[in-house]
Every structure is written in C-alpha cells, then in structure tokens.
Amino acid sequence: MVGIHLRTLFKWLSWYRQGGLDAIRQHRRGNRKGRSPFLTAEQCAQLRERAAEEGFRSLREAQEWIEQNFQVRYSLDGVRSLFQRLNIIRKTPRPMAVKASPEMREAWKKGAWRPL
C-alpha cells in the first residue's frame, strides 16, 4: 500500500526502536552520489577533444592514452563507461559496394556529380 518493500519497513522500524524519529532522519535515502570521478572536468574535455580530432582505434588505445597523459588507470569496461558518459561514440566506416570505383567516388566528392 505504501509503495516500499517489506524489508525497508522492517529496517525503518528497527531504526525507530533504536532512536525514534531522529534515528530515522539520520539515515540517508536516495540521491546517493557514487564514487568521485577519476578525471577532472578539464581532463574530460581534453579526452573529448582528442577523440574528436584524432580518435582512438580501440578502447585499449584510449586506456593507454589516459594512463600516459593523466596517470589514471581505467579498466576497459571503465573506459567504455567513461566514453558513454562523455558521449564519445565509436565511428565506423560505411560499407562500400564491391564494384565501387575509387575514381568515380573522388569525382563525386569534387562535385562532378550534381543533381539536375
């Protein structure tokens, strides 16, 4: 009815029995902050800039770059999570047709192919 789990209710009752309402108010609920970030905002900006300009071939390369430049060790999953938080996405090349001509593609890039 109240919208809480039965175990939560028992925990609250235990706190109440130990110290009344003051004991319940002392315990933090929700809005918990996780571990403090390993990189500063400035370092994250540098990482974003590096990813935008040169990119990384792999997460391992990014992991090594972070360790060399910031002296911070990340696991591969940590780097993946960091990239998700920073909205750094993996860029993959579009597939090319087997019969695609490199000369025709270059001509199209230079504007030789224009819509009528």
N, C-alpha and C. Protein backbone atom coordinates (compact mmCIF):
# COMPACT_ATOMS: atom_id res chain seq x y z
N MET A 1 0.81 -1.20 0.00
CA MET A 1 0.00 0.00 0.00
C MET A 1 0.86 1.27 0.00
N VAL A 2 1.91 1.24 0.74
CA VAL A 2 2.75 2.43 0.89
C VAL A 2 3.73 2.58 -0.28
N GLY A 3 4.05 1.48 -0.93
CA GLY A 3 4.97 1.54 -2.06
C GLY A 3 6.42 1.26 -1.70
N ILE A 4 6.65 0.64 -0.55
CA ILE A 4 8.01 0.27 -0.17
C ILE A 4 8.05 -1.23 0.06
N HIS A 5 9.24 -1.77 0.01
CA HIS A 5 9.42 -3.19 0.23
C HIS A 5 9.27 -3.48 1.74
N LEU A 6 8.84 -4.68 2.04
CA LEU A 6 8.63 -5.08 3.43
C LEU A 6 9.93 -4.99 4.24
N ARG A 7 11.04 -5.35 3.62
CA ARG A 7 12.34 -5.26 4.32
C ARG A 7 12.68 -3.82 4.69
N THR A 8 12.33 -2.89 3.80
CA THR A 8 12.58 -1.49 4.09
C THR A 8 11.78 -1.06 5.31
N LEU A 9 10.54 -1.50 5.37
CA LEU A 9 9.70 -1.16 6.52
C LEU A 9 10.31 -1.70 7.82
N PHE A 10 10.79 -2.95 7.79
CA PHE A 10 11.40 -3.52 8.99
C PHE A 10 12.67 -2.77 9.38
N LYS A 11 13.43 -2.33 8.38
CA LYS A 11 14.64 -1.56 8.67
C LYS A 11 14.27 -0.25 9.36
N TRP A 12 13.24 0.43 8.83
CA TRP A 12 12.80 1.69 9.43
C TRP A 12 12.29 1.47 10.86
N LEU A 13 11.57 0.38 11.06
CA LEU A 13 11.07 0.08 12.42
C LEU A 13 12.23 -0.16 13.39
N SER A 14 13.25 -0.85 12.90
CA SER A 14 14.42 -1.10 13.74
C SER A 14 15.09 0.22 14.14
N TRP A 15 15.24 1.11 13.17
CA TRP A 15 15.85 2.40 13.47
C TRP A 15 14.99 3.18 14.46
N TYR A 16 13.68 3.13 14.27
CA TYR A 16 12.77 3.85 15.15
C TYR A 16 12.86 3.33 16.58
N ARG A 17 12.93 2.01 16.71
CA ARG A 17 13.02 1.41 18.04
C ARG A 17 14.34 1.76 18.72
N GLN A 18 15.40 1.95 17.91
CA GLN A 18 16.71 2.27 18.50
C GLN A 18 16.82 3.73 18.92
N GLY A 19 16.19 4.64 18.14
CA GLY A 19 16.41 6.05 18.47
C GLY A 19 15.28 6.99 18.11
N GLY A 20 14.12 6.46 17.79
CA GLY A 20 12.99 7.32 17.47
C GLY A 20 13.11 7.95 16.09
N LEU A 21 12.37 9.04 15.90
CA LEU A 21 12.36 9.71 14.59
C LEU A 21 13.73 10.28 14.22
N ASP A 22 14.48 10.72 15.22
CA ASP A 22 15.81 11.27 14.94
C ASP A 22 16.72 10.23 14.30
N ALA A 23 16.61 8.98 14.74
CA ALA A 23 17.43 7.91 14.17
C ALA A 23 17.06 7.66 12.71
N ILE A 24 15.78 7.77 12.40
CA ILE A 24 15.36 7.58 11.01
C ILE A 24 15.86 8.72 10.14
N ARG A 25 15.78 9.94 10.65
CA ARG A 25 16.21 11.11 9.87
C ARG A 25 17.72 11.11 9.59
N GLN A 26 18.49 10.44 10.44
CA GLN A 26 19.94 10.40 10.26
C GLN A 26 20.35 9.58 9.05
N HIS A 27 19.55 8.61 8.68
CA HIS A 27 19.90 7.73 7.56
C HIS A 27 19.55 8.39 6.23
N ARG A 28 20.52 8.37 5.34
CA ARG A 28 20.33 8.96 4.02
C ARG A 28 19.47 8.07 3.16
N ARG A 29 18.64 8.69 2.36
CA ARG A 29 17.82 7.92 1.42
C ARG A 29 17.96 8.55 0.04
N GLY A 30 18.06 7.73 -0.96
CA GLY A 30 18.06 8.20 -2.34
C GLY A 30 19.11 9.26 -2.63
N ASN A 31 19.17 9.67 -3.87
CA ASN A 31 20.07 10.73 -4.32
C ASN A 31 21.51 10.50 -3.89
N ARG A 32 21.90 9.26 -3.79
CA ARG A 32 23.27 8.96 -3.37
C ARG A 32 24.22 9.25 -4.51
N LYS A 33 25.32 9.77 -4.15
CA LYS A 33 26.35 10.02 -5.16
C LYS A 33 27.31 8.86 -5.14
N GLY A 34 27.72 8.46 -6.31
CA GLY A 34 28.65 7.35 -6.40
C GLY A 34 30.07 7.79 -6.10
N ARG A 35 30.99 7.00 -6.55
CA ARG A 35 32.40 7.28 -6.36
C ARG A 35 32.76 8.58 -7.07
N SER A 36 33.68 9.33 -6.53
CA SER A 36 34.10 10.57 -7.18
C SER A 36 34.83 10.22 -8.47
N PRO A 37 34.69 11.06 -9.49
CA PRO A 37 35.29 10.73 -10.79
C PRO A 37 36.81 10.71 -10.73
N PHE A 38 37.41 9.86 -11.57
CA PHE A 38 38.87 9.76 -11.63
C PHE A 38 39.46 10.95 -12.39
N LEU A 39 38.73 11.47 -13.37
CA LEU A 39 39.23 12.57 -14.19
C LEU A 39 38.50 13.86 -13.83
N THR A 40 39.22 14.96 -13.90
CA THR A 40 38.60 16.26 -13.67
C THR A 40 37.82 16.67 -14.92
N ALA A 41 37.04 17.72 -14.80
CA ALA A 41 36.27 18.22 -15.94
C ALA A 41 37.20 18.66 -17.07
N GLU A 42 38.33 19.25 -16.70
CA GLU A 42 39.31 19.69 -17.71
C GLU A 42 39.91 18.49 -18.44
N GLN A 43 40.22 17.44 -17.71
CA GLN A 43 40.77 16.24 -18.32
C GLN A 43 39.75 15.57 -19.24
N CYS A 44 38.49 15.57 -18.82
CA CYS A 44 37.43 15.02 -19.68
C CYS A 44 37.32 15.82 -20.97
N ALA A 45 37.46 17.14 -20.86
CA ALA A 45 37.41 17.99 -22.06
C ALA A 45 38.58 17.66 -22.99
N GLN A 46 39.76 17.45 -22.42
CA GLN A 46 40.92 17.08 -23.24
C GLN A 46 40.71 15.73 -23.92
N LEU A 47 40.12 14.80 -23.20
CA LEU A 47 39.83 13.48 -23.76
C LEU A 47 38.84 13.59 -24.91
N ARG A 48 37.79 14.37 -24.71
CA ARG A 48 36.80 14.59 -25.78
C ARG A 48 37.46 15.20 -27.00
N GLU A 49 38.31 16.20 -26.76
CA GLU A 49 38.99 16.88 -27.87
C GLU A 49 39.87 15.91 -28.64
N ARG A 50 40.61 15.08 -27.92
CA ARG A 50 41.49 14.10 -28.56
C ARG A 50 40.67 13.09 -29.37
N ALA A 51 39.54 12.66 -28.81
CA ALA A 51 38.68 11.71 -29.51
C ALA A 51 38.08 12.33 -30.77
N ALA A 52 37.74 13.62 -30.70
CA ALA A 52 37.14 14.28 -31.87
C ALA A 52 38.17 14.54 -32.96
N GLU A 53 39.39 14.92 -32.58
CA GLU A 53 40.40 15.28 -33.57
C GLU A 53 41.06 14.05 -34.19
N GLU A 54 41.58 13.17 -33.35
CA GLU A 54 42.35 12.03 -33.85
C GLU A 54 41.62 10.71 -33.71
N GLY A 55 40.77 10.61 -32.72
CA GLY A 55 40.06 9.37 -32.47
C GLY A 55 40.95 8.33 -31.82
N PHE A 56 40.37 7.23 -31.46
CA PHE A 56 41.08 6.10 -30.89
C PHE A 56 40.73 4.87 -31.70
N ARG A 57 41.70 4.05 -31.98
CA ARG A 57 41.43 2.84 -32.75
C ARG A 57 40.74 1.77 -31.92
N SER A 58 40.97 1.81 -30.61
CA SER A 58 40.38 0.80 -29.74
C SER A 58 40.26 1.37 -28.33
N LEU A 59 39.52 0.67 -27.52
CA LEU A 59 39.41 1.08 -26.11
C LEU A 59 40.75 0.94 -25.41
N ARG A 60 41.52 -0.07 -25.80
CA ARG A 60 42.84 -0.27 -25.19
C ARG A 60 43.75 0.93 -25.49
N GLU A 61 43.68 1.44 -26.72
CA GLU A 61 44.48 2.61 -27.06
C GLU A 61 44.05 3.81 -26.22
N ALA A 62 42.75 3.97 -26.05
CA ALA A 62 42.24 5.07 -25.21
C ALA A 62 42.68 4.88 -23.76
N GLN A 63 42.65 3.65 -23.29
CA GLN A 63 43.07 3.33 -21.93
C GLN A 63 44.53 3.73 -21.73
N GLU A 64 45.37 3.38 -22.68
CA GLU A 64 46.80 3.71 -22.58
C GLU A 64 47.02 5.21 -22.66
N TRP A 65 46.27 5.89 -23.52
CA TRP A 65 46.41 7.35 -23.67
C TRP A 65 46.03 8.04 -22.36
N ILE A 66 44.95 7.60 -21.74
CA ILE A 66 44.51 8.19 -20.47
C ILE A 66 45.58 7.97 -19.41
N GLU A 67 46.15 6.77 -19.37
CA GLU A 67 47.17 6.47 -18.36
C GLU A 67 48.43 7.30 -18.59
N GLN A 68 48.84 7.46 -19.84
CA GLN A 68 50.05 8.23 -20.14
C GLN A 68 49.88 9.72 -19.85
N ASN A 69 48.71 10.26 -20.17
CA ASN A 69 48.50 11.69 -20.06
C ASN A 69 48.00 12.15 -18.69
N PHE A 70 47.23 11.30 -18.01
CA PHE A 70 46.63 11.71 -16.75
C PHE A 70 47.07 10.87 -15.56
N GLN A 71 47.88 9.83 -15.79
CA GLN A 71 48.34 8.93 -14.73
C GLN A 71 47.16 8.33 -13.95
N VAL A 72 46.13 7.94 -14.69
CA VAL A 72 44.93 7.33 -14.10
C VAL A 72 44.70 6.01 -14.79
N ARG A 73 44.53 4.95 -14.01
CA ARG A 73 44.29 3.61 -14.58
C ARG A 73 42.79 3.33 -14.65
N TYR A 74 42.34 2.98 -15.82
CA TYR A 74 40.96 2.55 -16.05
C TYR A 74 40.98 1.13 -16.58
N SER A 75 39.98 0.36 -16.22
CA SER A 75 39.79 -0.94 -16.87
C SER A 75 39.14 -0.67 -18.23
N LEU A 76 39.11 -1.68 -19.08
CA LEU A 76 38.47 -1.49 -20.39
C LEU A 76 36.99 -1.17 -20.23
N ASP A 77 36.34 -1.85 -19.30
CA ASP A 77 34.93 -1.54 -19.04
C ASP A 77 34.78 -0.13 -18.48
N GLY A 78 35.75 0.31 -17.69
CA GLY A 78 35.72 1.67 -17.17
C GLY A 78 35.85 2.70 -18.27
N VAL A 79 36.72 2.44 -19.25
CA VAL A 79 36.88 3.34 -20.40
C VAL A 79 35.58 3.36 -21.20
N ARG A 80 34.98 2.19 -21.41
CA ARG A 80 33.72 2.11 -22.15
C ARG A 80 32.64 2.93 -21.45
N SER A 81 32.55 2.79 -20.13
CA SER A 81 31.57 3.54 -19.36
C SER A 81 31.85 5.05 -19.41
N LEU A 82 33.12 5.41 -19.32
CA LEU A 82 33.52 6.81 -19.41
C LEU A 82 33.13 7.39 -20.75
N PHE A 83 33.38 6.66 -21.83
CA PHE A 83 33.02 7.13 -23.16
C PHE A 83 31.51 7.31 -23.28
N GLN A 84 30.74 6.42 -22.69
CA GLN A 84 29.28 6.56 -22.72
C GLN A 84 28.85 7.83 -21.99
N ARG A 85 29.45 8.08 -20.82
CA ARG A 85 29.09 9.27 -20.05
C ARG A 85 29.47 10.55 -20.78
N LEU A 86 30.57 10.51 -21.53
CA LEU A 86 31.05 11.69 -22.24
C LEU A 86 30.49 11.79 -23.65
N ASN A 87 29.62 10.85 -24.01
CA ASN A 87 29.03 10.81 -25.36
C ASN A 87 30.08 10.73 -26.46
N ILE A 88 31.12 9.97 -26.22
CA ILE A 88 32.12 9.68 -27.24
C ILE A 88 31.68 8.39 -27.90
N ILE A 89 31.33 8.49 -29.17
CA ILE A 89 30.80 7.32 -29.85
C ILE A 89 31.82 6.73 -30.80
N ARG A 90 31.63 5.47 -31.07
CA ARG A 90 32.52 4.76 -31.97
C ARG A 90 32.10 5.06 -33.40
N LYS A 91 33.04 5.51 -34.19
CA LYS A 91 32.75 5.78 -35.59
C LYS A 91 33.22 4.60 -36.42
N THR A 92 32.34 4.13 -37.24
CA THR A 92 32.70 3.02 -38.13
C THR A 92 32.47 3.46 -39.56
N PRO A 93 33.33 3.03 -40.47
CA PRO A 93 33.15 3.43 -41.86
C PRO A 93 31.92 2.78 -42.47
N ARG A 94 31.31 3.49 -43.38
CA ARG A 94 30.16 2.93 -44.08
C ARG A 94 30.65 1.86 -45.04
N PRO A 95 29.84 0.83 -45.24
CA PRO A 95 30.26 -0.21 -46.18
C PRO A 95 30.30 0.32 -47.60
N MET A 96 31.25 -0.16 -48.37
CA MET A 96 31.38 0.24 -49.77
C MET A 96 30.95 -0.92 -50.66
N ALA A 97 30.37 -0.56 -51.77
CA ALA A 97 29.99 -1.58 -52.74
C ALA A 97 31.26 -2.19 -53.31
N VAL A 98 31.19 -3.46 -53.61
CA VAL A 98 32.35 -4.17 -54.14
C VAL A 98 32.79 -3.58 -55.48
N LYS A 99 31.83 -3.15 -56.28
CA LYS A 99 32.14 -2.63 -57.61
C LYS A 99 32.39 -1.12 -57.60
N ALA A 100 32.47 -0.50 -56.45
CA ALA A 100 32.66 0.95 -56.38
C ALA A 100 34.01 1.33 -56.97
N SER A 101 34.00 2.37 -57.77
CA SER A 101 35.22 2.85 -58.41
C SER A 101 35.80 3.99 -57.58
N PRO A 102 37.05 3.89 -57.15
CA PRO A 102 37.66 4.99 -56.39
C PRO A 102 37.70 6.29 -57.18
N GLU A 103 37.91 6.21 -58.52
CA GLU A 103 37.97 7.42 -59.35
C GLU A 103 36.61 8.11 -59.39
N MET A 104 35.54 7.31 -59.53
CA MET A 104 34.19 7.88 -59.58
C MET A 104 33.84 8.51 -58.22
N ARG A 105 34.27 7.89 -57.15
CA ARG A 105 33.99 8.41 -55.81
C ARG A 105 34.69 9.76 -55.61
N GLU A 106 35.95 9.84 -56.03
CA GLU A 106 36.69 11.11 -55.91
C GLU A 106 36.07 12.19 -56.77
N ALA A 107 35.63 11.83 -57.96
CA ALA A 107 34.98 12.81 -58.84
C ALA A 107 33.68 13.31 -58.20
N TRP A 108 32.94 12.42 -57.57
CA TRP A 108 31.70 12.81 -56.90
C TRP A 108 31.99 13.74 -55.73
N LYS A 109 33.07 13.46 -54.96
CA LYS A 109 33.43 14.32 -53.83
C LYS A 109 33.80 15.71 -54.29
N LYS A 110 34.41 15.82 -55.48
CA LYS A 110 34.81 17.13 -56.00
C LYS A 110 33.65 17.89 -56.63
N GLY A 111 32.49 17.27 -56.73
CA GLY A 111 31.32 17.96 -57.23
C GLY A 111 31.01 17.66 -58.68
N ALA A 112 31.65 16.68 -59.26
CA ALA A 112 31.39 16.34 -60.65
C ALA A 112 29.98 15.79 -60.83
N TRP A 113 29.45 15.21 -59.81
CA TRP A 113 28.10 14.66 -59.87
C TRP A 113 27.16 15.59 -59.15
N ARG A 114 26.37 16.31 -59.86
CA ARG A 114 25.44 17.24 -59.25
C ARG A 114 24.02 16.88 -59.67
N PRO A 115 23.08 17.09 -58.77
CA PRO A 115 21.70 16.78 -59.14
C PRO A 115 21.19 17.72 -60.23
N LEU A 116 20.33 17.22 -61.08
CA LEU A 116 19.77 18.05 -62.16
C LEU A 116 18.66 18.92 -61.66
